[in-house]
Amino acid sequence: MKLISRQLTEEDYELLCEWWNHYNFPPPSREFLPDNGTSGIMITDENGVALCAGFIYETNSFTCLVEFVIANPATKGQLRKESILLLLKTLNDLAEEWGYKYIFASVGHKSLIDKYLETGYQLGDQNTTELIKTI
């Protein structure tokens, strides 16, 4: 099956919220996401079925962040693995194209961590807690 990567659109947000809710993850608001939820990538199959997505946060350093990677709950097995690997590769390639030298990611799920490692990431501290403050 052919997999396709495309830029996220504002219309994708509601679908991503459904996926986050499925996994009991509180959906981030649009304003929390880079470029109102459009600075990221969606992977689809050749029929346009959305398989997974993730975001790139730009910074004023040589480091960007790849965050909020999420997969369609209906995507299973090898297709799920291949689509997430393509997503990470595409996000990594974009970061390099944009001039970044480092990518930071905060990931909590073992299977997703394994996919990051498979695409060249290295483990950092594993005993951290994510904190967010709304101001």
N, C-alpha and C. Protein backbone atom coordinates (compact mmCIF):
# COMPACT_ATOMS: atom_id res chain seq x y z
N MET A 1 0.84 -1.18 0.00
CA MET A 1 0.00 0.00 0.00
C MET A 1 0.88 1.24 0.00
N LYS A 2 0.50 2.20 -0.82
CA LYS A 2 1.24 3.44 -0.92
C LYS A 2 0.82 4.38 0.21
N LEU A 3 1.80 4.96 0.91
CA LEU A 3 1.55 5.94 1.96
C LEU A 3 1.93 7.32 1.45
N ILE A 4 1.15 8.31 1.85
CA ILE A 4 1.33 9.67 1.37
C ILE A 4 1.46 10.60 2.57
N SER A 5 2.41 11.53 2.49
CA SER A 5 2.53 12.55 3.54
C SER A 5 2.04 13.88 2.98
N ARG A 6 1.36 14.62 3.84
CA ARG A 6 0.88 15.94 3.45
C ARG A 6 0.88 16.83 4.68
N GLN A 7 0.85 18.15 4.44
CA GLN A 7 0.80 19.10 5.54
C GLN A 7 -0.57 19.03 6.20
N LEU A 8 -0.58 19.21 7.52
CA LEU A 8 -1.85 19.27 8.23
C LEU A 8 -2.63 20.51 7.81
N THR A 9 -3.94 20.41 7.86
CA THR A 9 -4.82 21.54 7.57
C THR A 9 -5.67 21.82 8.80
N GLU A 10 -6.29 22.97 8.83
CA GLU A 10 -7.18 23.30 9.95
C GLU A 10 -8.31 22.29 10.07
N GLU A 11 -8.74 21.71 8.96
CA GLU A 11 -9.83 20.74 8.98
C GLU A 11 -9.44 19.44 9.68
N ASP A 12 -8.15 19.15 9.80
CA ASP A 12 -7.69 17.92 10.44
C ASP A 12 -7.86 17.94 11.95
N TYR A 13 -7.98 19.11 12.54
CA TYR A 13 -7.97 19.23 14.00
C TYR A 13 -9.06 18.39 14.67
N GLU A 14 -10.27 18.42 14.18
CA GLU A 14 -11.37 17.67 14.81
C GLU A 14 -11.09 16.17 14.80
N LEU A 15 -10.54 15.67 13.71
CA LEU A 15 -10.19 14.25 13.62
C LEU A 15 -9.10 13.91 14.64
N LEU A 16 -8.09 14.75 14.75
CA LEU A 16 -7.03 14.51 15.72
C LEU A 16 -7.59 14.52 17.14
N CYS A 17 -8.53 15.40 17.42
CA CYS A 17 -9.17 15.42 18.75
C CYS A 17 -9.88 14.10 19.03
N GLU A 18 -10.53 13.55 18.03
CA GLU A 18 -11.18 12.23 18.20
C GLU A 18 -10.15 11.18 18.58
N TRP A 19 -9.01 11.20 17.89
CA TRP A 19 -7.96 10.22 18.20
C TRP A 19 -7.42 10.43 19.60
N TRP A 20 -7.10 11.68 19.98
CA TRP A 20 -6.59 11.95 21.33
C TRP A 20 -7.60 11.51 22.38
N ASN A 21 -8.88 11.82 22.16
CA ASN A 21 -9.91 11.40 23.11
C ASN A 21 -9.98 9.88 23.22
N HIS A 22 -9.84 9.18 22.11
CA HIS A 22 -9.86 7.72 22.13
C HIS A 22 -8.78 7.17 23.07
N TYR A 23 -7.62 7.81 23.07
CA TYR A 23 -6.50 7.36 23.90
C TYR A 23 -6.50 8.01 25.28
N ASN A 24 -7.62 8.67 25.64
CA ASN A 24 -7.74 9.35 26.94
C ASN A 24 -6.65 10.39 27.16
N PHE A 25 -6.27 11.07 26.08
CA PHE A 25 -5.28 12.14 26.13
C PHE A 25 -6.03 13.44 25.89
N PRO A 26 -5.93 14.40 26.82
CA PRO A 26 -6.65 15.66 26.61
C PRO A 26 -6.16 16.38 25.35
N PRO A 27 -7.04 16.60 24.38
CA PRO A 27 -6.60 17.28 23.16
C PRO A 27 -6.06 18.67 23.45
N PRO A 28 -4.90 19.00 22.91
CA PRO A 28 -4.40 20.36 23.06
C PRO A 28 -5.28 21.32 22.26
N SER A 29 -5.45 22.53 22.77
CA SER A 29 -6.23 23.51 22.02
C SER A 29 -5.46 23.89 20.76
N ARG A 30 -6.18 24.40 19.79
CA ARG A 30 -5.53 24.83 18.54
C ARG A 30 -4.41 25.82 18.82
N GLU A 31 -4.66 26.75 19.74
CA GLU A 31 -3.67 27.78 20.00
C GLU A 31 -2.43 27.24 20.70
N PHE A 32 -2.50 26.03 21.25
CA PHE A 32 -1.34 25.39 21.86
C PHE A 32 -0.46 24.74 20.79
N LEU A 33 -1.04 24.44 19.65
CA LEU A 33 -0.33 23.76 18.57
C LEU A 33 0.36 24.77 17.65
N PRO A 34 1.47 24.37 17.04
CA PRO A 34 2.18 25.31 16.16
C PRO A 34 1.33 25.69 14.94
N ASP A 35 1.35 26.98 14.64
CA ASP A 35 0.58 27.52 13.51
C ASP A 35 -0.88 27.09 13.54
N ASN A 36 -1.46 27.16 14.75
CA ASN A 36 -2.89 26.85 14.92
C ASN A 36 -3.23 25.42 14.46
N GLY A 37 -2.26 24.53 14.62
CA GLY A 37 -2.49 23.12 14.28
C GLY A 37 -2.17 22.74 12.85
N THR A 38 -1.48 23.62 12.13
CA THR A 38 -1.17 23.30 10.73
C THR A 38 0.31 23.06 10.47
N SER A 39 1.16 23.24 11.46
CA SER A 39 2.60 23.03 11.26
C SER A 39 2.95 21.59 11.64
N GLY A 40 2.53 20.70 10.78
CA GLY A 40 2.78 19.29 11.01
C GLY A 40 2.45 18.49 9.78
N ILE A 41 2.50 17.18 9.97
CA ILE A 41 2.32 16.26 8.84
C ILE A 41 1.24 15.24 9.17
N MET A 42 0.46 14.91 8.16
CA MET A 42 -0.52 13.82 8.22
C MET A 42 -0.06 12.76 7.23
N ILE A 43 -0.09 11.51 7.65
CA ILE A 43 0.17 10.39 6.75
C ILE A 43 -1.18 9.75 6.42
N THR A 44 -1.42 9.54 5.12
CA THR A 44 -2.65 8.90 4.68
C THR A 44 -2.30 7.69 3.81
N ASP A 45 -3.30 6.85 3.60
CA ASP A 45 -3.10 5.78 2.62
C ASP A 45 -3.47 6.33 1.24
N GLU A 46 -3.34 5.50 0.23
CA GLU A 46 -3.58 5.97 -1.14
C GLU A 46 -5.02 6.38 -1.40
N ASN A 47 -5.93 5.99 -0.50
CA ASN A 47 -7.34 6.38 -0.63
C ASN A 47 -7.68 7.62 0.19
N GLY A 48 -6.67 8.21 0.83
CA GLY A 48 -6.90 9.41 1.62
C GLY A 48 -7.30 9.16 3.06
N VAL A 49 -7.28 7.90 3.50
CA VAL A 49 -7.62 7.59 4.89
C VAL A 49 -6.47 8.04 5.78
N ALA A 50 -6.79 8.87 6.77
CA ALA A 50 -5.78 9.41 7.68
C ALA A 50 -5.29 8.30 8.61
N LEU A 51 -3.95 8.16 8.71
CA LEU A 51 -3.35 7.08 9.51
C LEU A 51 -2.65 7.58 10.76
N CYS A 52 -1.92 8.70 10.67
CA CYS A 52 -1.23 9.26 11.83
C CYS A 52 -0.80 10.68 11.52
N ALA A 53 -0.43 11.42 12.57
CA ALA A 53 -0.04 12.81 12.39
C ALA A 53 0.90 13.22 13.52
N GLY A 54 1.63 14.31 13.29
CA GLY A 54 2.52 14.87 14.30
C GLY A 54 2.89 16.30 13.93
N PHE A 55 3.47 17.02 14.90
CA PHE A 55 3.73 18.44 14.76
C PHE A 55 5.21 18.76 14.95
N ILE A 56 5.63 19.87 14.33
CA ILE A 56 6.96 20.44 14.56
C ILE A 56 6.78 21.81 15.20
N TYR A 57 7.41 21.98 16.36
CA TYR A 57 7.48 23.28 17.02
C TYR A 57 8.83 23.89 16.69
N GLU A 58 8.81 25.08 16.10
CA GLU A 58 10.06 25.77 15.79
C GLU A 58 10.50 26.60 16.99
N THR A 59 11.82 26.79 17.12
CA THR A 59 12.38 27.61 18.19
C THR A 59 13.36 28.60 17.59
N ASN A 60 13.92 29.45 18.45
CA ASN A 60 14.93 30.40 17.99
C ASN A 60 16.34 29.88 18.25
N SER A 61 16.46 28.56 18.31
CA SER A 61 17.77 27.91 18.46
C SER A 61 17.92 26.91 17.32
N PHE A 62 18.92 26.07 17.41
CA PHE A 62 19.09 25.03 16.40
C PHE A 62 18.32 23.76 16.77
N THR A 63 17.36 23.90 17.69
CA THR A 63 16.56 22.77 18.16
C THR A 63 15.09 23.03 17.87
N CYS A 64 14.42 22.03 17.31
CA CYS A 64 12.97 22.08 17.16
C CYS A 64 12.39 20.92 17.98
N LEU A 65 11.10 20.89 18.10
CA LEU A 65 10.43 19.83 18.85
C LEU A 65 9.47 19.10 17.94
N VAL A 66 9.49 17.78 18.01
CA VAL A 66 8.49 16.95 17.33
C VAL A 66 7.58 16.43 18.44
N GLU A 67 6.33 16.81 18.37
CA GLU A 67 5.41 16.51 19.47
C GLU A 67 4.03 16.10 18.97
N PHE A 68 3.26 15.61 19.92
CA PHE A 68 1.86 15.23 19.71
C PHE A 68 1.67 14.27 18.54
N VAL A 69 2.58 13.31 18.42
CA VAL A 69 2.42 12.25 17.42
C VAL A 69 1.25 11.37 17.86
N ILE A 70 0.33 11.15 16.95
CA ILE A 70 -0.88 10.39 17.27
C ILE A 70 -1.26 9.54 16.06
N ALA A 71 -1.78 8.34 16.34
CA ALA A 71 -2.19 7.43 15.27
C ALA A 71 -3.69 7.19 15.32
N ASN A 72 -4.25 6.99 14.17
CA ASN A 72 -5.65 6.59 14.04
C ASN A 72 -5.83 5.27 14.80
N PRO A 73 -6.77 5.21 15.74
CA PRO A 73 -6.97 3.97 16.50
C PRO A 73 -7.31 2.76 15.63
N ALA A 74 -7.85 3.01 14.44
CA ALA A 74 -8.21 1.91 13.54
C ALA A 74 -7.02 1.38 12.75
N THR A 75 -5.90 2.10 12.79
CA THR A 75 -4.70 1.67 12.07
C THR A 75 -3.96 0.66 12.92
N LYS A 76 -3.75 -0.53 12.41
CA LYS A 76 -3.16 -1.62 13.20
C LYS A 76 -1.97 -2.25 12.50
N GLY A 77 -1.20 -3.01 13.27
CA GLY A 77 -0.16 -3.87 12.75
C GLY A 77 0.91 -3.17 11.95
N GLN A 78 1.31 -3.82 10.86
CA GLN A 78 2.41 -3.33 10.03
C GLN A 78 2.09 -1.97 9.41
N LEU A 79 0.83 -1.75 9.03
CA LEU A 79 0.45 -0.46 8.45
C LEU A 79 0.66 0.66 9.47
N ARG A 80 0.31 0.42 10.70
CA ARG A 80 0.51 1.42 11.76
C ARG A 80 2.01 1.72 11.92
N LYS A 81 2.81 0.67 11.99
CA LYS A 81 4.26 0.85 12.16
C LYS A 81 4.84 1.63 10.99
N GLU A 82 4.52 1.22 9.77
CA GLU A 82 5.07 1.88 8.59
C GLU A 82 4.63 3.34 8.49
N SER A 83 3.38 3.61 8.83
CA SER A 83 2.89 4.99 8.73
C SER A 83 3.56 5.88 9.77
N ILE A 84 3.76 5.39 10.98
CA ILE A 84 4.44 6.19 12.01
C ILE A 84 5.90 6.40 11.65
N LEU A 85 6.56 5.36 11.14
CA LEU A 85 7.95 5.53 10.71
C LEU A 85 8.07 6.56 9.60
N LEU A 86 7.15 6.53 8.63
CA LEU A 86 7.16 7.54 7.57
C LEU A 86 6.90 8.92 8.14
N LEU A 87 5.97 9.03 9.08
CA LEU A 87 5.70 10.32 9.72
C LEU A 87 6.96 10.88 10.37
N LEU A 88 7.63 10.06 11.19
CA LEU A 88 8.83 10.53 11.86
C LEU A 88 9.93 10.90 10.86
N LYS A 89 10.10 10.09 9.83
CA LYS A 89 11.11 10.39 8.82
C LYS A 89 10.78 11.72 8.13
N THR A 90 9.53 11.93 7.81
CA THR A 90 9.12 13.16 7.13
C THR A 90 9.33 14.38 8.03
N LEU A 91 8.96 14.26 9.31
CA LEU A 91 9.18 15.36 10.25
C LEU A 91 10.67 15.63 10.44
N ASN A 92 11.46 14.56 10.54
CA ASN A 92 12.91 14.71 10.66
C ASN A 92 13.50 15.42 9.45
N ASP A 93 13.07 15.00 8.25
CA ASP A 93 13.56 15.61 7.02
C ASP A 93 13.19 17.09 6.94
N LEU A 94 11.96 17.43 7.35
CA LEU A 94 11.54 18.83 7.35
C LEU A 94 12.40 19.65 8.30
N ALA A 95 12.64 19.11 9.50
CA ALA A 95 13.47 19.82 10.47
C ALA A 95 14.85 20.09 9.91
N GLU A 96 15.43 19.10 9.25
CA GLU A 96 16.75 19.29 8.65
C GLU A 96 16.69 20.32 7.52
N GLU A 97 15.66 20.24 6.69
CA GLU A 97 15.49 21.18 5.59
C GLU A 97 15.35 22.62 6.11
N TRP A 98 14.72 22.78 7.25
CA TRP A 98 14.52 24.10 7.85
C TRP A 98 15.74 24.59 8.61
N GLY A 99 16.82 23.80 8.63
CA GLY A 99 18.07 24.25 9.23
C GLY A 99 18.30 23.85 10.68
N TYR A 100 17.45 23.01 11.22
CA TYR A 100 17.65 22.57 12.60
C TYR A 100 18.72 21.49 12.67
N LYS A 101 19.43 21.46 13.78
CA LYS A 101 20.48 20.46 14.00
C LYS A 101 20.06 19.42 15.03
N TYR A 102 19.06 19.76 15.83
CA TYR A 102 18.61 18.87 16.90
C TYR A 102 17.09 18.83 16.92
N ILE A 103 16.57 17.67 17.29
CA ILE A 103 15.13 17.53 17.48
C ILE A 103 14.90 16.97 18.87
N PHE A 104 14.04 17.62 19.61
CA PHE A 104 13.67 17.17 20.95
C PHE A 104 12.26 16.58 20.87
N ALA A 105 12.03 15.50 21.59
CA ALA A 105 10.70 14.90 21.65
C ALA A 105 10.45 14.37 23.06
N SER A 106 9.25 14.52 23.52
CA SER A 106 8.83 13.98 24.81
C SER A 106 7.79 12.90 24.52
N VAL A 107 8.15 11.65 24.80
CA VAL A 107 7.30 10.53 24.41
C VAL A 107 7.11 9.62 25.62
N GLY A 108 5.89 9.12 25.82
CA GLY A 108 5.61 8.30 26.98
C GLY A 108 5.30 6.84 26.70
N HIS A 109 4.98 6.50 25.46
CA HIS A 109 4.56 5.13 25.15
C HIS A 109 5.71 4.32 24.57
N LYS A 110 5.94 3.16 25.16
CA LYS A 110 7.08 2.30 24.79
C LYS A 110 7.12 2.02 23.28
N SER A 111 5.99 1.65 22.71
CA SER A 111 6.01 1.30 21.28
C SER A 111 6.36 2.51 20.42
N LEU A 112 5.92 3.70 20.81
CA LEU A 112 6.27 4.91 20.06
C LEU A 112 7.74 5.27 20.28
N ILE A 113 8.21 5.11 21.50
CA ILE A 113 9.63 5.35 21.78
C ILE A 113 10.48 4.46 20.88
N ASP A 114 10.10 3.21 20.72
CA ASP A 114 10.84 2.29 19.86
C ASP A 114 10.91 2.79 18.42
N LYS A 115 9.83 3.38 17.95
CA LYS A 115 9.82 3.90 16.58
C LYS A 115 10.72 5.13 16.46
N TYR A 116 10.73 5.98 17.47
CA TYR A 116 11.66 7.11 17.47
C TYR A 116 13.09 6.60 17.42
N LEU A 117 13.41 5.61 18.26
CA LEU A 117 14.76 5.06 18.29
C LEU A 117 15.13 4.47 16.93
N GLU A 118 14.17 3.85 16.28
CA GLU A 118 14.40 3.25 14.96
C GLU A 118 14.74 4.30 13.91
N THR A 119 14.30 5.55 14.14
CA THR A 119 14.58 6.61 13.17
C THR A 119 15.74 7.50 13.60
N GLY A 120 16.57 7.03 14.53
CA GLY A 120 17.81 7.72 14.86
C GLY A 120 17.82 8.55 16.12
N TYR A 121 16.73 8.60 16.86
CA TYR A 121 16.72 9.34 18.12
C TYR A 121 17.51 8.56 19.16
N GLN A 122 18.01 9.29 20.17
CA GLN A 122 18.71 8.68 21.30
C GLN A 122 17.92 8.97 22.56
N LEU A 123 17.97 8.04 23.50
CA LEU A 123 17.27 8.24 24.76
C LEU A 123 17.94 9.35 25.56
N GLY A 124 17.13 10.20 26.16
CA GLY A 124 17.59 11.20 27.11
C GLY A 124 17.13 10.76 28.49
N ASP A 125 16.88 11.71 29.35
CA ASP A 125 16.39 11.41 30.70
C ASP A 125 15.03 10.72 30.61
N GLN A 126 14.84 9.68 31.38
CA GLN A 126 13.58 8.94 31.36
C GLN A 126 12.75 9.17 32.61
N ASN A 127 13.20 10.04 33.49
CA ASN A 127 12.49 10.27 34.75
C ASN A 127 12.02 11.71 34.85
N THR A 128 11.36 12.20 33.81
CA THR A 128 10.91 13.59 33.82
C THR A 128 9.39 13.65 33.91
N THR A 129 8.90 14.79 34.28
CA THR A 129 7.47 15.05 34.32
C THR A 129 7.18 16.26 33.46
N GLU A 130 6.18 16.16 32.60
CA GLU A 130 5.82 17.29 31.76
C GLU A 130 4.94 18.23 32.56
N LEU A 131 5.22 19.51 32.48
CA LEU A 131 4.45 20.53 33.17
C LEU A 131 4.04 21.59 32.17
N ILE A 132 2.80 22.07 32.30
CA ILE A 132 2.30 23.11 31.42
C ILE A 132 1.64 24.18 32.30
N LYS A 133 1.90 25.42 32.01
CA LYS A 133 1.27 26.52 32.72
C LYS A 133 0.54 27.40 31.71
N THR A 134 -0.71 27.64 31.94
CA THR A 134 -1.48 28.56 31.12
C THR A 134 -1.38 29.94 31.76
N ILE A 135 -0.99 30.94 30.95
CA ILE A 135 -0.83 32.29 31.48
C ILE A 135 -1.77 33.27 30.79
